[in-house]
């Protein structure tokens, strides 16, 4: 059994879905009673998504030729001495922002690989959209009163709801969600005493993403997710795949 002290060090691995099933279940039980770990997991997951949205411009066609031409003139580095892996005690001393950087770097690698193949004439537009999405999410995360709730979705995906009452905004961060059926999209809803109010669409091609919900979270007690036709619906047309209580 993992000690409570050790459980506090697993937020980064949990956000990356890198924990074995038994250890994941144990950490989730701990997460329900630990506000600090819950907040940290939310921050790490959001940081990973922001980096995953990063845009990388395609390299110039002549870059490889220039690099290869310089190889013979570049002095080779002296082989490095292998450094022993840090102890678990040292790992426990890492700050949350160091962990966030590691999580963000891992997610950013996948995002960079995808975006390198984006057509050049779309790069500017996509970069602008991605920056705006990241800025919107960052504004919610940096609000002094932001609250987060980490949830496990039915398909095994991880989700984090974030709410800032001072900004009157909410965001949803998803990681590992299954791709919806062809011609379908995930739609988010604010649940107001059983009345579902549209709150935005998710990107049907992304399994990990962040969405700033449309409209105010005021009056809502939960957020639901349904599968809808492309373009979304005025009201839910299917049974919610998830219904998540908003953090208070």
C-alpha atoms as a PDB file:
ATOM      1  CA  UNK A   1       0.000   0.000   0.000  1.00  0.00           C
ATOM      2  CA  UNK A   2       1.290   3.445  -0.909  1.00  0.00           C
ATOM      3  CA  UNK A   3       1.796   5.858   1.982  1.00  0.00           C
ATOM      4  CA  UNK A   4      -0.028   9.193   2.083  1.00  0.00           C
ATOM      5  CA  UNK A   5       3.274  11.033   1.652  1.00  0.00           C
ATOM      6  CA  UNK A   6       3.997   9.041  -1.514  1.00  0.00           C
ATOM      7  CA  UNK A   7       0.489   9.608  -2.875  1.00  0.00           C
ATOM      8  CA  UNK A   8       1.103  13.358  -2.886  1.00  0.00           C
ATOM      9  CA  UNK A   9       3.927  12.814  -5.398  1.00  0.00           C
ATOM     10  CA  UNK A  10       1.768  11.011  -7.975  1.00  0.00           C
ATOM     11  CA  UNK A  11      -0.160  13.977  -9.387  1.00  0.00           C
ATOM     12  CA  UNK A  12       2.054  14.298 -12.465  1.00  0.00           C
ATOM     13  CA  UNK A  13       1.951  10.595 -13.309  1.00  0.00           C
ATOM     14  CA  UNK A  14      -1.817  10.558 -12.785  1.00  0.00           C
ATOM     15  CA  UNK A  15      -2.336  13.535 -15.103  1.00  0.00           C
ATOM     16  CA  UNK A  16      -0.318  11.666 -17.762  1.00  0.00           C
ATOM     17  CA  UNK A  17      -2.331   8.437 -17.198  1.00  0.00           C
ATOM     18  CA  UNK A  18       0.942   6.694 -16.342  1.00  0.00           C
ATOM     19  CA  UNK A  19      -0.135   4.929 -13.136  1.00  0.00           C
ATOM     20  CA  UNK A  20      -0.828   1.175 -12.972  1.00  0.00           C
ATOM     21  CA  UNK A  21      -4.498   0.334 -12.431  1.00  0.00           C
ATOM     22  CA  UNK A  22      -4.104  -0.570  -8.737  1.00  0.00           C
ATOM     23  CA  UNK A  23      -2.094   2.548  -7.943  1.00  0.00           C
ATOM     24  CA  UNK A  24      -4.489   4.714  -9.981  1.00  0.00           C
ATOM     25  CA  UNK A  25      -7.479   3.470  -7.980  1.00  0.00           C
ATOM     26  CA  UNK A  26      -5.632   4.116  -4.719  1.00  0.00           C
ATOM     27  CA  UNK A  27      -4.686   7.633  -5.833  1.00  0.00           C
ATOM     28  CA  UNK A  28      -8.265   8.452  -6.911  1.00  0.00           C
ATOM     29  CA  UNK A  29      -9.496   7.430  -3.461  1.00  0.00           C
ATOM     30  CA  UNK A  30      -6.920   9.797  -1.967  1.00  0.00           C
ATOM     31  CA  UNK A  31      -7.856  12.514  -4.495  1.00  0.00           C
ATOM     32  CA  UNK A  32     -11.435  12.633  -3.245  1.00  0.00           C
ATOM     33  CA  UNK A  33     -10.225  13.837   0.179  1.00  0.00           C
ATOM     34  CA  UNK A  34      -7.186  15.925  -0.799  1.00  0.00           C
ATOM     35  CA  UNK A  35      -7.995  19.404  -2.098  1.00  0.00           C
ATOM     36  CA  UNK A  36      -4.317  20.203  -2.746  1.00  0.00           C
ATOM     37  CA  UNK A  37      -3.789  17.168  -4.988  1.00  0.00           C
ATOM     38  CA  UNK A  38      -7.111  17.784  -6.743  1.00  0.00           C
ATOM     39  CA  UNK A  39      -6.103  21.367  -7.578  1.00  0.00           C
ATOM     40  CA  UNK A  40      -2.654  20.249  -8.702  1.00  0.00           C
ATOM     41  CA  UNK A  41      -4.026  17.536 -10.989  1.00  0.00           C
ATOM     42  CA  UNK A  42      -6.333  20.110 -12.564  1.00  0.00           C
ATOM     43  CA  UNK A  43      -3.443  22.506 -13.153  1.00  0.00           C
ATOM     44  CA  UNK A  44      -1.216  19.793 -14.625  1.00  0.00           C
ATOM     45  CA  UNK A  45      -3.934  18.496 -16.944  1.00  0.00           C
ATOM     46  CA  UNK A  46      -4.714  21.995 -18.162  1.00  0.00           C
ATOM     47  CA  UNK A  47      -1.018  22.768 -18.697  1.00  0.00           C
ATOM     48  CA  UNK A  48      -0.671  19.623 -20.778  1.00  0.00           C
ATOM     49  CA  UNK A  49      -3.609  20.579 -22.956  1.00  0.00           C
ATOM     50  CA  UNK A  50      -2.329  24.120 -23.500  1.00  0.00           C
ATOM     51  CA  UNK A  51       1.000  22.769 -24.697  1.00  0.00           C
ATOM     52  CA  UNK A  52      -0.779  20.230 -26.828  1.00  0.00           C
ATOM     53  CA  UNK A  53      -2.517  23.103 -28.604  1.00  0.00           C
ATOM     54  CA  UNK A  54       0.793  24.759 -29.420  1.00  0.00           C
ATOM     55  CA  UNK A  55       1.464  25.401 -33.104  1.00  0.00           C
ATOM     56  CA  UNK A  56       4.764  24.527 -34.706  1.00  0.00           C
ATOM     57  CA  UNK A  57       5.612  26.131 -38.043  1.00  0.00           C
ATOM     58  CA  UNK A  58       6.820  23.649 -40.720  1.00  0.00           C
ATOM     59  CA  UNK A  59      10.621  23.738 -41.259  1.00  0.00           C
ATOM     60  CA  UNK A  60      12.013  25.392 -44.384  1.00  0.00           C
ATOM     61  CA  UNK A  61      12.664  22.823 -47.166  1.00  0.00           C
ATOM     62  CA  UNK A  62      16.341  23.837 -47.321  1.00  0.00           C
ATOM     63  CA  UNK A  63      16.947  23.436 -43.585  1.00  0.00           C
ATOM     64  CA  UNK A  64      17.992  19.765 -43.743  1.00  0.00           C
ATOM     65  CA  UNK A  65      20.508  20.443 -46.515  1.00  0.00           C
ATOM     66  CA  UNK A  66      22.085  23.322 -44.540  1.00  0.00           C
ATOM     67  CA  UNK A  67      22.323  21.234 -41.382  1.00  0.00           C
ATOM     68  CA  UNK A  68      23.866  18.238 -43.169  1.00  0.00           C
ATOM     69  CA  UNK A  69      26.400  20.512 -44.870  1.00  0.00           C
ATOM     70  CA  UNK A  70      27.631  21.754 -41.482  1.00  0.00           C
ATOM     71  CA  UNK A  71      27.895  18.335 -39.817  1.00  0.00           C
ATOM     72  CA  UNK A  72      31.555  17.665 -40.840  1.00  0.00           C
ATOM     73  CA  UNK A  73      32.655  21.008 -39.335  1.00  0.00           C
ATOM     74  CA  UNK A  74      30.925  20.566 -35.989  1.00  0.00           C
ATOM     75  CA  UNK A  75      33.118  19.244 -33.175  1.00  0.00           C
ATOM     76  CA  UNK A  76      31.674  16.179 -31.483  1.00  0.00           C
ATOM     77  CA  UNK A  77      30.891  16.525 -27.782  1.00  0.00           C
ATOM     78  CA  UNK A  78      32.812  14.468 -25.258  1.00  0.00           C
ATOM     79  CA  UNK A  79      30.703  11.489 -24.130  1.00  0.00           C
ATOM     80  CA  UNK A  80      28.684  12.396 -21.064  1.00  0.00           C
ATOM     81  CA  UNK A  81      29.057  10.574 -17.746  1.00  0.00           C
ATOM     82  CA  UNK A  82      25.891   8.711 -16.837  1.00  0.00           C
ATOM     83  CA  UNK A  83      24.214  10.305 -13.820  1.00  0.00           C
ATOM     84  CA  UNK A  84      22.330   8.032 -11.402  1.00  0.00           C
ATOM     85  CA  UNK A  85      18.552   8.418 -11.436  1.00  0.00           C
ATOM     86  CA  UNK A  86      17.206  10.704  -8.673  1.00  0.00           C
ATOM     87  CA  UNK A  87      15.888   9.037  -5.562  1.00  0.00           C
ATOM     88  CA  UNK A  88      12.172   8.943  -4.710  1.00  0.00           C
ATOM     89  CA  UNK A  89      12.875  11.348  -1.867  1.00  0.00           C
ATOM     90  CA  UNK A  90      14.290  13.882  -4.332  1.00  0.00           C
ATOM     91  CA  UNK A  91      11.304  13.410  -6.628  1.00  0.00           C
ATOM     92  CA  UNK A  92       8.974  14.286  -3.745  1.00  0.00           C
ATOM     93  CA  UNK A  93      10.735  17.643  -3.401  1.00  0.00           C
ATOM     94  CA  UNK A  94       9.957  18.725  -6.963  1.00  0.00           C
ATOM     95  CA  UNK A  95       7.565  21.671  -7.060  1.00  0.00           C
ATOM     96  CA  UNK A  96       4.219  21.497  -8.812  1.00  0.00           C
ATOM     97  CA  UNK A  97       5.395  23.800 -11.577  1.00  0.00           C
ATOM     98  CA  UNK A  98       8.340  21.530 -12.369  1.00  0.00           C
ATOM     99  CA  UNK A  99       5.861  18.681 -12.705  1.00  0.00           C
ATOM    100  CA  UNK A 100       3.630  20.888 -14.824  1.00  0.00           C
ATOM    101  CA  UNK A 101       6.512  21.611 -17.180  1.00  0.00           C
ATOM    102  CA  UNK A 102       7.192  17.888 -17.580  1.00  0.00           C
ATOM    103  CA  UNK A 103       3.549  17.110 -18.260  1.00  0.00           C
ATOM    104  CA  UNK A 104       3.271  20.026 -20.672  1.00  0.00           C
ATOM    105  CA  UNK A 105       6.400  18.941 -22.541  1.00  0.00           C
ATOM    106  CA  UNK A 106       5.050  15.415 -22.996  1.00  0.00           C
ATOM    107  CA  UNK A 107       1.729  16.667 -24.328  1.00  0.00           C
ATOM    108  CA  UNK A 108       3.414  19.332 -26.455  1.00  0.00           C
ATOM    109  CA  UNK A 109       5.478  16.704 -28.269  1.00  0.00           C
ATOM    110  CA  UNK A 110       2.353  15.074 -29.636  1.00  0.00           C
ATOM    111  CA  UNK A 111       0.848  18.428 -30.588  1.00  0.00           C
ATOM    112  CA  UNK A 112       4.013  19.524 -32.374  1.00  0.00           C
ATOM    113  CA  UNK A 113       4.171  16.325 -34.433  1.00  0.00           C
ATOM    114  CA  UNK A 114       0.626  16.801 -35.674  1.00  0.00           C
ATOM    115  CA  UNK A 115       0.946  20.490 -36.437  1.00  0.00           C
ATOM    116  CA  UNK A 116       4.173  20.079 -38.431  1.00  0.00           C
ATOM    117  CA  UNK A 117       2.060  18.604 -41.222  1.00  0.00           C
ATOM    118  CA  UNK A 118      -0.427  21.472 -41.294  1.00  0.00           C
ATOM    119  CA  UNK A 119      -0.716  23.243 -44.593  1.00  0.00           C
ATOM    120  CA  UNK A 120       1.267  26.486 -44.637  1.00  0.00           C
ATOM    121  CA  UNK A 121      -1.671  28.599 -45.787  1.00  0.00           C
ATOM    122  CA  UNK A 122      -3.681  27.473 -42.712  1.00  0.00           C
ATOM    123  CA  UNK A 123      -0.887  27.940 -40.166  1.00  0.00           C
ATOM    124  CA  UNK A 124      -1.584  31.605 -39.387  1.00  0.00           C
ATOM    125  CA  UNK A 125      -5.294  31.081 -38.870  1.00  0.00           C
ATOM    126  CA  UNK A 126      -4.809  27.957 -36.778  1.00  0.00           C
ATOM    127  CA  UNK A 127      -2.127  29.641 -34.687  1.00  0.00           C
ATOM    128  CA  UNK A 128      -4.449  32.540 -33.911  1.00  0.00           C
ATOM    129  CA  UNK A 129      -7.298  30.218 -32.890  1.00  0.00           C
ATOM    130  CA  UNK A 130      -4.989  28.094 -30.738  1.00  0.00           C
ATOM    131  CA  UNK A 131      -3.524  31.131 -28.986  1.00  0.00           C
ATOM    132  CA  UNK A 132      -6.990  32.457 -28.234  1.00  0.00           C
ATOM    133  CA  UNK A 133      -8.121  29.119 -26.826  1.00  0.00           C
ATOM    134  CA  UNK A 134      -5.011  28.888 -24.681  1.00  0.00           C
ATOM    135  CA  UNK A 135      -5.429  32.479 -23.485  1.00  0.00           C
ATOM    136  CA  UNK A 136      -9.072  31.893 -22.558  1.00  0.00           C
ATOM    137  CA  UNK A 137      -8.214  28.787 -20.585  1.00  0.00           C
ATOM    138  CA  UNK A 138      -5.242  30.489 -18.931  1.00  0.00           C
ATOM    139  CA  UNK A 139      -7.495  33.349 -17.811  1.00  0.00           C
ATOM    140  CA  UNK A 140      -9.778  30.908 -16.002  1.00  0.00           C
ATOM    141  CA  UNK A 141      -6.851  28.989 -14.491  1.00  0.00           C
ATOM    142  CA  UNK A 142      -5.122  32.129 -13.243  1.00  0.00           C
ATOM    143  CA  UNK A 143      -8.235  33.538 -11.591  1.00  0.00           C
ATOM    144  CA  UNK A 144      -7.624  33.763  -7.813  1.00  0.00           C
ATOM    145  CA  UNK A 145     -10.898  31.982  -7.073  1.00  0.00           C
ATOM    146  CA  UNK A 146     -10.654  29.141  -9.611  1.00  0.00           C
ATOM    147  CA  UNK A 147     -12.008  25.814  -8.365  1.00  0.00           C
ATOM    148  CA  UNK A 148     -11.475  22.441 -10.031  1.00  0.00           C
ATOM    149  CA  UNK A 149     -13.071  19.020  -9.907  1.00  0.00           C
ATOM    150  CA  UNK A 150     -11.376  15.970 -11.371  1.00  0.00           C
ATOM    151  CA  UNK A 151     -13.676  13.254 -12.729  1.00  0.00           C
ATOM    152  CA  UNK A 152     -13.349   9.834 -14.321  1.00  0.00           C
ATOM    153  CA  UNK A 153     -15.581   9.448 -17.381  1.00  0.00           C
ATOM    154  CA  UNK A 154     -17.386   6.173 -18.266  1.00  0.00           C
ATOM    155  CA  UNK A 155     -14.984   5.308 -21.101  1.00  0.00           C
ATOM    156  CA  UNK A 156     -11.978   5.614 -18.771  1.00  0.00           C
ATOM    157  CA  UNK A 157     -11.049   9.115 -19.892  1.00  0.00           C
ATOM    158  CA  UNK A 158     -10.091  11.784 -17.381  1.00  0.00           C
ATOM    159  CA  UNK A 159     -11.867  15.110 -17.114  1.00  0.00           C
ATOM    160  CA  UNK A 160     -11.348  18.280 -15.124  1.00  0.00           C
ATOM    161  CA  UNK A 161     -13.984  20.977 -14.616  1.00  0.00           C
ATOM    162  CA  UNK A 162     -12.688  24.441 -13.711  1.00  0.00           C
ATOM    163  CA  UNK A 163     -14.863  27.341 -12.579  1.00  0.00           C
ATOM    164  CA  UNK A 164     -14.067  30.961 -11.789  1.00  0.00           C
ATOM    165  CA  UNK A 165     -17.032  32.760 -10.245  1.00  0.00           C
ATOM    166  CA  UNK A 166     -15.272  36.134 -10.420  1.00  0.00           C
ATOM    167  CA  UNK A 167     -14.844  35.729 -14.200  1.00  0.00           C
ATOM    168  CA  UNK A 168     -18.218  33.985 -14.501  1.00  0.00           C
ATOM    169  CA  UNK A 169     -16.575  31.339 -16.713  1.00  0.00           C
ATOM    170  CA  UNK A 170     -16.042  27.595 -16.723  1.00  0.00           C
ATOM    171  CA  UNK A 171     -13.745  25.286 -18.676  1.00  0.00           C
ATOM    172  CA  UNK A 172     -13.577  21.551 -19.294  1.00  0.00           C
ATOM    173  CA  UNK A 173     -10.310  19.697 -19.840  1.00  0.00           C
ATOM    174  CA  UNK A 174     -10.549  16.160 -21.253  1.00  0.00           C
ATOM    175  CA  UNK A 175      -7.794  13.601 -21.667  1.00  0.00           C
ATOM    176  CA  UNK A 176      -8.104  10.249 -23.419  1.00  0.00           C
ATOM    177  CA  UNK A 177     -11.702  10.591 -24.620  1.00  0.00           C
ATOM    178  CA  UNK A 178     -12.844   8.195 -27.321  1.00  0.00           C
ATOM    179  CA  UNK A 179     -13.457   9.706 -30.758  1.00  0.00           C
ATOM    180  CA  UNK A 180     -17.222  10.058 -31.382  1.00  0.00           C
ATOM    181  CA  UNK A 181     -18.874   8.113 -34.254  1.00  0.00           C
ATOM    182  CA  UNK A 182     -18.524   9.517 -37.769  1.00  0.00           C
ATOM    183  CA  UNK A 183     -20.863  12.465 -38.281  1.00  0.00           C
ATOM    184  CA  UNK A 184     -21.199  13.012 -34.526  1.00  0.00           C
ATOM    185  CA  UNK A 185     -19.709  15.427 -32.006  1.00  0.00           C
ATOM    186  CA  UNK A 186     -19.539  15.722 -28.231  1.00  0.00           C
ATOM    187  CA  UNK A 187     -21.658  18.628 -26.977  1.00  0.00           C
ATOM    188  CA  UNK A 188     -21.413  20.191 -23.515  1.00  0.00           C
ATOM    189  CA  UNK A 189     -24.398  21.406 -21.515  1.00  0.00           C
ATOM    190  CA  UNK A 190     -24.990  23.365 -18.330  1.00  0.00           C
ATOM    191  CA  UNK A 191     -27.508  21.508 -16.201  1.00  0.00           C
ATOM    192  CA  UNK A 192     -29.887  23.977 -14.543  1.00  0.00           C
ATOM    193  CA  UNK A 193     -32.257  21.920 -12.385  1.00  0.00           C
ATOM    194  CA  UNK A 194     -32.769  19.422 -15.195  1.00  0.00           C
ATOM    195  CA  UNK A 195     -32.886  21.991 -18.002  1.00  0.00           C
ATOM    196  CA  UNK A 196     -29.899  21.559 -20.313  1.00  0.00           C
ATOM    197  CA  UNK A 197     -28.388  24.769 -21.719  1.00  0.00           C
ATOM    198  CA  UNK A 198     -25.893  24.491 -24.648  1.00  0.00           C
ATOM    199  CA  UNK A 199     -22.322  25.181 -23.494  1.00  0.00           C
ATOM    200  CA  UNK A 200     -20.213  24.428 -26.565  1.00  0.00           C
ATOM    201  CA  UNK A 201     -18.860  21.688 -28.799  1.00  0.00           C
ATOM    202  CA  UNK A 202     -15.744  19.576 -28.424  1.00  0.00           C
ATOM    203  CA  UNK A 203     -13.295  18.877 -31.254  1.00  0.00           C
ATOM    204  CA  UNK A 204     -14.321  15.476 -32.616  1.00  0.00           C
ATOM    205  CA  UNK A 205     -10.777  14.767 -33.853  1.00  0.00           C
ATOM    206  CA  UNK A 206      -9.020  15.334 -30.525  1.00  0.00           C
ATOM    207  CA  UNK A 207      -8.953  12.897 -27.637  1.00  0.00           C
ATOM    208  CA  UNK A 208      -7.234  15.451 -25.392  1.00  0.00           C
ATOM    209  CA  UNK A 209      -8.445  19.033 -25.395  1.00  0.00           C
ATOM    210  CA  UNK A 210      -9.641  22.037 -23.442  1.00  0.00           C
ATOM    211  CA  UNK A 211     -12.942  23.808 -24.000  1.00  0.00           C
ATOM    212  CA  UNK A 212     -14.006  27.151 -22.569  1.00  0.00           C
ATOM    213  CA  UNK A 213     -17.713  26.656 -21.979  1.00  0.00           C
ATOM    214  CA  UNK A 214     -20.108  29.066 -23.678  1.00  0.00           C
ATOM    215  CA  UNK A 215     -22.116  31.224 -21.330  1.00  0.00           C
ATOM    216  CA  UNK A 216     -22.192  31.709 -17.594  1.00  0.00           C
ATOM    217  CA  UNK A 217     -22.000  28.794 -15.140  1.00  0.00           C
ATOM    218  CA  UNK A 218     -24.283  30.757 -12.821  1.00  0.00           C
ATOM    219  CA  UNK A 219     -27.458  28.850 -12.037  1.00  0.00           C
ATOM    220  CA  UNK A 220     -25.968  25.521 -13.132  1.00  0.00           C
ATOM    221  CA  UNK A 221     -25.133  22.689 -10.768  1.00  0.00           C
ATOM    222  CA  UNK A 222     -23.512  20.323 -13.269  1.00  0.00           C
ATOM    223  CA  UNK A 223     -22.132  19.931 -16.783  1.00  0.00           C
ATOM    224  CA  UNK A 224     -23.319  17.175 -19.099  1.00  0.00           C
ATOM    225  CA  UNK A 225     -21.852  15.652 -22.252  1.00  0.00           C
ATOM    226  CA  UNK A 226     -23.956  14.126 -25.035  1.00  0.00           C
ATOM    227  CA  UNK A 227     -23.256  12.783 -28.503  1.00  0.00           C
ATOM    228  CA  UNK A 228     -24.957  14.982 -31.108  1.00  0.00           C
ATOM    229  CA  UNK A 229     -24.989  15.403 -34.902  1.00  0.00           C
ATOM    230  CA  UNK A 230     -22.170  17.514 -36.368  1.00  0.00           C
ATOM    231  CA  UNK A 231     -22.834  21.156 -35.615  1.00  0.00           C
ATOM    232  CA  UNK A 232     -24.600  20.387 -32.356  1.00  0.00           C
ATOM    233  CA  UNK A 233     -28.234  20.537 -31.281  1.00  0.00           C
ATOM    234  CA  UNK A 234     -30.523  23.064 -29.607  1.00  0.00           C
ATOM    235  CA  UNK A 235     -31.323  20.448 -26.974  1.00  0.00           C
ATOM    236  CA  UNK A 236     -29.917  17.020 -26.082  1.00  0.00           C
ATOM    237  CA  UNK A 237     -30.990  14.251 -28.467  1.00  0.00           C
ATOM    238  CA  UNK A 238     -29.236  11.409 -26.632  1.00  0.00           C
ATOM    239  CA  UNK A 239     -28.654  10.184 -23.110  1.00  0.00           C
ATOM    240  CA  UNK A 240     -25.697  11.998 -21.475  1.00  0.00           C
ATOM    241  CA  UNK A 241     -22.466  10.012 -21.523  1.00  0.00           C
ATOM    242  CA  UNK A 242     -21.436  11.979 -18.443  1.00  0.00           C
ATOM    243  CA  UNK A 243     -22.992  14.360 -15.923  1.00  0.00           C
ATOM    244  CA  UNK A 244     -20.427  16.101 -13.728  1.00  0.00           C
ATOM    245  CA  UNK A 245     -21.083  18.299 -10.710  1.00  0.00           C
ATOM    246  CA  UNK A 246     -19.542  21.749 -10.905  1.00  0.00           C
ATOM    247  CA  UNK A 247     -16.932  22.501  -8.218  1.00  0.00           C
ATOM    248  CA  UNK A 248     -18.125  24.843  -5.486  1.00  0.00           C
END
